[in-house]
Amino acid sequence: MLLSRLVGLEAVALYELALRVVGQVGGLFLSVATALFPAAAAARAGEPAAGGALVPLYRAAARYVAWLALPAYGLLVALAPAFVGAWLGPGYGQAALAMRLLAAGWLVAILATPAFLVAQAGGAERLSTNASFVTAGVSVFAAAALVPSAGLGGVALGGSLGLAAGGLAILAAFGRRFGLSVPDLLPWGARAPLAAAVSAGLAAALVRAAPPSLGGVVVAAAAGLAAYAGLLAVTGAVRPADRALLGALLTRAAG
């Protein structure tokens, strides 16, 4: 509504494109993460004491979600201009900017999803509700304040700030509720973010070396993902238990 009134209908279309692409990636993570809800409910029923089995469940889920979300959104930020150029042609840099801004906020929100779902199913649903209000309030007010001067980028930044604020709010509240330290709250460590940054840089360098094309974007993303997986393996981030879990998933083993 703000864009159509203050900027124009073309800005609305570009914002929708950016939001749909970034939102589809987020929707994939959210659909997978919903498995945490029944798992957390079962853990709470089995061990109703404070924390109980919920904290180990959160730590494992947060770690694996981060392993997947960090390279996904890093590559999205790195390849957004090339994707928009290949899909729409030249002259639509604002859509790529909006995509990058929204991806940053979505990343924080996805990293906080395990805390959001475990809190909901683990008897601390008020934390999730409060975080949702933070996201909505910050998004609306920030977008309204920024759109007159920044247009499409202002609305995207406002939405991103809301997502990030809600994610940080649930992480902070979850940590206080269950008495978690920062390493417990952010169990993925430093190796995964560094590997994701390297993979995003590699993908950006590869895509700049060729004319914009969807095929080039796909190849650059695949190379970035391969580099990311290799870095996790060689730095020792992947433990024997992680390999066993992956093997069980691939063979559809029970549990």
Protein backbone atom coordinates (compact mmCIF):
# COMPACT_ATOMS: atom_id res chain seq x y z
CA MET A 1 0.00 0.00 0.00
CA LEU A 2 2.80 2.41 0.86
CA LEU A 3 4.67 1.67 -2.36
CA SER A 4 1.63 2.06 -4.61
CA ARG A 5 0.75 5.38 -2.99
CA LEU A 6 4.19 6.95 -2.58
CA VAL A 7 6.39 5.33 -5.24
CA GLY A 8 4.32 3.70 -7.97
CA LEU A 9 2.92 0.40 -9.18
CA GLU A 10 6.21 -0.69 -10.76
CA ALA A 11 7.81 -0.63 -7.31
CA VAL A 12 5.01 -2.88 -6.04
CA ALA A 13 5.74 -5.44 -8.77
CA LEU A 14 9.47 -5.40 -8.04
CA TYR A 15 8.87 -5.77 -4.32
CA GLU A 16 6.55 -8.71 -4.95
CA LEU A 17 9.20 -10.40 -7.08
CA ALA A 18 11.86 -9.94 -4.40
CA LEU A 19 9.53 -11.05 -1.62
CA ARG A 20 8.34 -14.14 -3.50
CA VAL A 21 11.85 -15.38 -4.24
CA VAL A 22 13.16 -14.82 -0.71
CA GLY A 23 9.92 -16.02 0.87
CA GLN A 24 9.95 -19.28 -1.09
CA VAL A 25 13.39 -20.07 0.33
CA GLY A 26 12.17 -19.23 3.81
CA GLY A 27 9.02 -21.28 3.31
CA LEU A 28 11.10 -24.34 2.53
CA PHE A 29 12.95 -24.04 5.84
CA LEU A 30 9.76 -23.35 7.76
CA SER A 31 8.00 -26.39 6.32
CA VAL A 32 10.89 -28.63 7.35
CA ALA A 33 11.28 -27.03 10.78
CA THR A 34 7.65 -27.66 11.73
CA ALA A 35 8.72 -31.23 12.59
CA LEU A 36 10.22 -29.66 15.72
CA PHE A 37 6.78 -28.87 17.14
CA PRO A 38 5.62 -32.46 17.82
CA ALA A 39 9.16 -33.44 18.83
CA ALA A 40 9.30 -30.63 21.40
CA ALA A 41 5.81 -31.46 22.67
CA ALA A 42 6.82 -35.11 23.16
CA ALA A 43 10.04 -34.06 24.90
CA ARG A 44 8.12 -31.79 27.26
CA ALA A 45 5.64 -34.55 28.08
CA GLY A 46 8.46 -36.95 28.87
CA GLU A 47 10.54 -34.50 30.92
CA PRO A 48 8.41 -31.62 32.19
CA ALA A 49 11.20 -30.24 34.38
CA ALA A 50 12.74 -26.92 33.32
CA GLY A 51 14.76 -27.48 30.19
CA GLY A 52 14.67 -31.27 30.34
CA ALA A 53 15.05 -32.73 26.87
CA LEU A 54 14.06 -29.45 25.20
CA VAL A 55 17.50 -27.85 25.34
CA PRO A 56 19.36 -30.72 23.60
CA LEU A 57 16.58 -30.84 21.02
CA TYR A 58 16.91 -27.09 20.42
CA ARG A 59 20.70 -27.26 20.15
CA ALA A 60 20.62 -30.03 17.55
CA ALA A 61 17.87 -28.38 15.51
CA ALA A 62 19.46 -24.94 15.64
CA ARG A 63 22.79 -26.34 14.50
CA TYR A 64 21.39 -28.14 11.47
CA VAL A 65 19.08 -25.29 10.48
CA ALA A 66 22.05 -22.92 10.58
CA TRP A 67 24.15 -25.28 8.47
CA LEU A 68 21.49 -25.13 5.74
CA ALA A 69 20.26 -21.54 6.06
CA LEU A 70 23.65 -19.80 6.12
CA PRO A 71 24.79 -20.95 2.65
CA ALA A 72 21.29 -20.63 1.18
CA TYR A 73 20.88 -16.99 2.13
CA GLY A 74 24.53 -16.19 1.57
CA LEU A 75 24.21 -17.39 -2.03
CA LEU A 76 20.92 -15.54 -2.42
CA VAL A 77 22.57 -12.28 -1.40
CA ALA A 78 25.60 -12.93 -3.61
CA LEU A 79 23.64 -13.96 -6.71
CA ALA A 80 20.61 -11.64 -6.49
CA PRO A 81 21.92 -9.09 -9.05
CA ALA A 82 22.85 -11.80 -11.53
CA PHE A 83 19.50 -13.54 -11.08
CA VAL A 84 17.51 -10.36 -11.55
CA GLY A 85 19.62 -9.38 -14.56
CA ALA A 86 19.08 -12.77 -16.19
CA TRP A 87 15.37 -12.92 -15.34
CA LEU A 88 14.28 -9.31 -16.00
CA GLY A 89 17.14 -7.78 -17.97
CA PRO A 90 19.04 -4.58 -17.18
CA GLY A 91 17.58 -1.67 -15.25
CA TYR A 92 16.05 -3.54 -12.31
CA GLY A 93 18.75 -3.14 -9.73
CA GLN A 94 16.19 -2.04 -7.13
CA ALA A 95 14.65 -5.52 -7.18
CA ALA A 96 18.06 -7.09 -6.51
CA LEU A 97 18.63 -4.63 -3.65
CA ALA A 98 15.24 -5.48 -2.14
CA MET A 99 16.04 -9.18 -2.45
CA ARG A 100 19.33 -8.73 -0.64
CA LEU A 101 17.81 -6.67 2.16
CA LEU A 102 14.95 -9.11 2.71
CA ALA A 103 17.33 -12.08 2.64
CA ALA A 104 19.34 -10.65 5.53
CA GLY A 105 16.25 -10.34 7.73
CA TRP A 106 14.93 -13.74 6.70
CA LEU A 107 18.24 -15.35 7.64
CA VAL A 108 18.00 -14.08 11.21
CA ALA A 109 14.36 -15.19 11.40
CA ILE A 110 15.14 -18.69 10.10
CA LEU A 111 18.05 -19.08 12.53
CA ALA A 112 15.58 -18.25 15.32
CA THR A 113 12.89 -20.67 14.09
CA PRO A 114 14.01 -23.60 16.33
CA ALA A 115 13.70 -21.38 19.41
CA PHE A 116 10.30 -20.14 18.20
CA LEU A 117 8.88 -23.64 17.71
CA VAL A 118 10.45 -25.26 20.77
CA ALA A 119 9.12 -22.40 22.93
CA GLN A 120 5.62 -22.83 21.45
CA ALA A 121 5.48 -26.58 22.08
CA GLY A 122 7.56 -26.55 25.25
CA GLY A 123 5.26 -24.50 27.47
CA ALA A 124 6.73 -21.06 26.73
CA GLU A 125 4.37 -20.04 23.94
CA ARG A 126 4.20 -16.47 25.24
CA LEU A 127 7.79 -15.97 24.02
CA SER A 128 6.80 -16.82 20.45
CA THR A 129 3.73 -14.58 20.60
CA ASN A 130 5.78 -11.64 21.84
CA ALA A 131 8.36 -12.15 19.10
CA SER A 132 5.61 -12.16 16.46
CA PHE A 133 4.34 -8.82 17.75
CA VAL A 134 7.89 -7.43 17.62
CA THR A 135 8.27 -8.53 13.98
CA ALA A 136 4.96 -7.00 12.92
CA GLY A 137 5.40 -3.75 14.83
CA VAL A 138 8.97 -3.05 13.76
CA SER A 139 8.24 -3.98 10.13
CA VAL A 140 5.25 -1.67 9.79
CA PHE A 141 6.73 1.33 11.56
CA ALA A 142 10.17 1.02 9.96
CA ALA A 143 8.72 0.66 6.47
CA ALA A 144 6.40 3.63 6.99
CA ALA A 145 9.31 5.75 8.21
CA LEU A 146 11.71 4.74 5.42
CA VAL A 147 9.54 4.58 2.30
CA PRO A 148 9.21 8.38 1.77
CA SER A 149 12.98 8.79 1.45
CA ALA A 150 14.14 5.35 0.29
CA GLY A 151 11.18 4.04 -1.73
CA LEU A 152 11.35 0.33 -2.53
CA GLY A 153 14.58 -0.11 -0.59
CA GLY A 154 12.95 1.48 2.46
CA VAL A 155 10.07 -0.97 2.49
CA ALA A 156 12.44 -3.92 2.02
CA LEU A 157 14.71 -2.63 4.78
CA GLY A 158 11.73 -2.12 7.07
CA GLY A 159 10.57 -5.68 6.53
CA SER A 160 14.09 -6.98 7.05
CA LEU A 161 14.50 -5.05 10.28
CA GLY A 162 11.21 -6.46 11.55
CA LEU A 163 12.23 -10.04 10.79
CA ALA A 164 15.62 -9.57 12.40
CA ALA A 165 14.15 -7.87 15.47
CA GLY A 166 11.63 -10.66 15.97
CA GLY A 167 14.32 -13.30 15.56
CA LEU A 168 16.64 -11.63 18.05
CA ALA A 169 13.75 -11.14 20.48
CA ILE A 170 12.84 -14.83 20.55
CA LEU A 171 16.49 -15.89 20.85
CA ALA A 172 17.09 -13.56 23.78
CA ALA A 173 13.87 -14.55 25.54
CA PHE A 174 14.49 -18.27 24.89
CA GLY A 175 17.99 -18.00 26.30
CA ARG A 176 16.71 -16.31 29.48
CA ARG A 177 13.83 -18.77 29.88
CA PHE A 178 16.03 -21.87 29.71
CA GLY A 179 19.22 -20.37 31.17
CA LEU A 180 21.31 -20.80 28.03
CA SER A 181 24.71 -19.27 27.46
CA VAL A 182 25.57 -17.68 24.12
CA PRO A 183 27.37 -20.83 22.84
CA ASP A 184 24.31 -22.88 23.81
CA LEU A 185 21.98 -20.40 22.14
CA LEU A 186 24.12 -20.21 18.97
CA PRO A 187 25.45 -23.77 18.75
CA TRP A 188 26.63 -23.61 15.14
CA GLY A 189 29.90 -21.85 16.04
CA ALA A 190 32.05 -19.77 13.71
CA ARG A 191 33.07 -22.32 11.07
CA ALA A 192 29.70 -22.52 9.30
CA PRO A 193 29.31 -18.71 8.88
CA LEU A 194 32.88 -18.41 7.60
CA ALA A 195 32.40 -21.28 5.16
CA ALA A 196 29.13 -19.71 3.97
CA ALA A 197 30.86 -16.37 3.39
CA VAL A 198 33.62 -18.03 1.37
CA SER A 199 31.10 -19.98 -0.72
CA ALA A 200 29.07 -16.82 -1.40
CA GLY A 201 32.21 -14.94 -2.45
CA LEU A 202 33.20 -17.77 -4.78
CA ALA A 203 29.74 -17.85 -6.36
CA ALA A 204 29.73 -14.08 -6.85
CA ALA A 205 33.16 -14.21 -8.52
CA LEU A 206 32.09 -17.03 -10.84
CA VAL A 207 28.87 -15.36 -11.93
CA ARG A 208 30.67 -12.09 -12.70
CA ALA A 209 33.03 -13.90 -15.05
CA ALA A 210 30.25 -14.75 -17.53
CA PRO A 211 27.30 -12.91 -19.14
CA PRO A 212 24.15 -12.97 -16.95
CA SER A 213 22.16 -16.16 -17.49
CA LEU A 214 20.03 -18.43 -15.35
CA GLY A 215 22.34 -21.32 -16.18
CA GLY A 216 25.31 -19.32 -14.95
CA VAL A 217 23.49 -18.54 -11.69
CA VAL A 218 22.74 -22.23 -11.15
CA VAL A 219 26.33 -23.27 -11.87
CA ALA A 220 27.72 -20.59 -9.56
CA ALA A 221 25.32 -21.62 -6.78
CA ALA A 222 26.25 -25.29 -7.19
CA ALA A 223 29.96 -24.44 -7.02
CA GLY A 224 29.37 -22.36 -3.91
CA LEU A 225 27.47 -25.17 -2.21
CA ALA A 226 30.20 -27.68 -3.08
CA ALA A 227 32.82 -25.37 -1.61
CA TYR A 228 30.73 -24.88 1.52
CA ALA A 229 30.29 -28.61 2.07
CA GLY A 230 33.99 -29.20 1.51
CA LEU A 231 34.97 -26.50 3.98
CA LEU A 232 32.68 -27.94 6.66
CA ALA A 233 34.25 -31.35 6.14
CA VAL A 234 37.91 -30.27 6.16
CA THR A 235 37.53 -27.95 9.16
CA GLY A 236 36.08 -30.74 11.29
CA ALA A 237 32.67 -29.15 11.74
CA VAL A 238 30.99 -32.38 10.59
CA ARG A 239 31.24 -34.92 13.40
CA PRO A 240 30.82 -38.71 13.19
CA ALA A 241 27.35 -38.35 14.73
CA ASP A 242 26.42 -35.94 11.93
CA ARG A 243 27.59 -38.41 9.30
CA ALA A 244 25.59 -41.17 10.96
CA LEU A 245 22.47 -39.00 10.96
CA LEU A 246 22.95 -38.13 7.29
CA GLY A 247 23.40 -41.80 6.47
CA ALA A 248 20.22 -42.66 8.35
CA LEU A 249 18.31 -39.99 6.45
CA LEU A 250 19.60 -41.17 3.09
CA THR A 251 18.74 -44.79 3.84
CA ARG A 252 15.42 -43.86 5.51
CA ALA A 253 16.39 -45.65 8.67
CA ALA A 254 13.90 -45.61 11.54
CA GLY A 255 14.23 -42.74 14.03
